[in-house]
Protein backbone atom coordinates (compact mmCIF):
# COMPACT_ATOMS: atom_id res chain seq x y z
CA MET A 1 -10.40 -18.52 33.82
CA THR A 2 -13.05 -21.02 34.74
CA PRO A 3 -14.77 -23.34 32.27
CA GLN A 4 -17.97 -21.32 32.73
CA GLU A 5 -16.19 -18.05 31.92
CA LEU A 6 -14.67 -19.63 28.82
CA ARG A 7 -18.09 -20.85 27.64
CA GLU A 8 -19.56 -17.38 28.24
CA GLN A 9 -16.73 -15.79 26.27
CA MET A 10 -17.22 -18.25 23.39
CA ASN A 11 -20.99 -17.63 23.38
CA LYS A 12 -20.47 -13.87 23.31
CA ARG A 13 -18.04 -14.20 20.40
CA ARG A 14 -20.47 -16.44 18.49
CA GLU A 15 -23.28 -13.94 19.05
CA GLU A 16 -21.11 -11.06 17.82
CA VAL A 17 -20.07 -12.96 14.68
CA THR A 18 -23.68 -13.91 13.97
CA ALA A 19 -24.88 -10.34 14.53
CA LEU A 20 -22.23 -8.92 12.21
CA CYS A 21 -23.08 -11.49 9.52
CA GLN A 22 -26.77 -10.63 9.76
CA PHE A 23 -26.03 -6.90 9.73
CA TRP A 24 -23.78 -7.25 6.67
CA TYR A 25 -26.42 -9.33 4.88
CA SER A 26 -29.08 -6.69 5.64
CA LEU A 27 -26.93 -4.14 3.79
CA PHE A 28 -25.33 -6.39 1.15
CA PRO A 29 -27.72 -9.26 0.41
CA GLU A 30 -25.90 -9.98 -2.84
CA PHE A 31 -22.68 -11.16 -1.16
CA SER A 32 -21.13 -11.85 2.23
CA PRO A 33 -17.56 -12.28 3.44
CA GLY A 34 -18.75 -14.99 5.83
CA ALA A 35 -18.29 -15.81 9.49
CA ASN A 36 -14.55 -16.47 9.16
CA GLN A 37 -13.89 -12.91 7.99
CA MET A 38 -16.09 -11.52 10.74
CA GLY A 39 -14.03 -13.52 13.23
CA VAL A 40 -10.78 -12.13 11.83
CA TRP A 41 -12.14 -8.60 12.14
CA LEU A 42 -13.22 -9.24 15.73
CA ASP A 43 -9.73 -10.52 16.53
CA LEU A 44 -8.42 -7.09 15.51
CA HIS A 45 -11.25 -4.69 16.33
CA THR A 46 -14.09 -4.13 18.75
CA PHE A 47 -17.63 -5.11 17.85
CA GLU A 48 -18.69 -1.44 17.85
CA ARG A 49 -15.86 -0.46 15.50
CA MET A 50 -16.88 -3.19 13.06
CA VAL A 51 -20.52 -2.11 13.11
CA ASP A 52 -19.37 1.40 12.21
CA ALA A 53 -17.01 0.10 9.49
CA ILE A 54 -19.78 -1.98 7.92
CA LYS A 55 -22.13 1.04 7.95
CA ARG A 56 -19.47 3.16 6.24
CA THR A 57 -18.87 0.42 3.68
CA ALA A 58 -22.57 0.36 2.86
CA ALA A 59 -22.55 4.15 2.46
CA LYS A 60 -19.58 3.91 0.09
CA ASN A 61 -21.34 1.19 -1.89
CA ALA A 62 -24.41 3.42 -2.18
CA LYS A 63 -22.24 6.27 -3.51
CA LEU A 64 -20.91 3.83 -6.10
CA ASN A 65 -24.46 2.81 -7.05
CA GLY A 66 -23.97 -0.71 -5.74
CA ALA A 67 -20.89 -1.37 -7.84
CA MET A 68 -18.66 -2.75 -5.08
CA THR A 69 -17.45 -6.31 -5.41
CA LEU A 70 -17.04 -8.54 -2.39
CA GLU A 71 -13.26 -8.04 -2.45
CA HIS A 72 -13.62 -4.25 -2.70
CA ALA A 73 -16.14 -4.17 0.15
CA VAL A 74 -13.95 -6.34 2.41
CA ARG A 75 -10.86 -4.25 1.70
CA PHE A 76 -12.74 -0.99 2.22
CA CYS A 77 -14.31 -2.22 5.47
CA SER A 78 -10.91 -3.36 6.75
CA LYS A 79 -9.37 -0.01 5.88
CA VAL A 80 -12.13 1.91 7.68
CA ALA A 81 -11.69 -0.22 10.81
CA ASN A 82 -7.89 0.09 10.70
CA VAL A 83 -8.02 3.88 10.32
CA ARG A 84 -10.49 4.14 13.22
CA LYS A 85 -8.22 1.99 15.39
CA THR A 86 -5.17 4.09 14.53
CA LYS A 87 -7.03 7.29 15.40
CA GLN A 88 -8.32 5.83 18.66
CA ASP A 89 -4.85 4.56 19.63
CA ALA A 90 -3.37 8.01 18.92
CA VAL A 91 -5.97 9.72 21.12
CA GLU A 92 -5.37 7.22 23.91
CA SER A 93 -1.58 7.65 23.77
CA VAL A 94 -1.89 11.45 23.96
CA ALA A 95 -4.27 11.17 26.91
CA ALA A 96 -1.90 8.84 28.79
């Protein structure tokens, strides 16, 4: 890996974290898990999977009439992403 490639990778990661933070805030302006949590999620999941997980968390919060706490929302979002990853890994292993 060249220094330029490393800088590009770091810039992409920063942009993804920022985008996820802004997306979360657009759906949950009352609280945010912060950039560190977004970074942890991106270490484990794709950007697209996290966008979907955040959307599903917002839908769950709406069903609960906005009653989710930050901890509940983070746990729910993590669970959604983990379940999606497990399903995707299962499909990929069957296809292989």
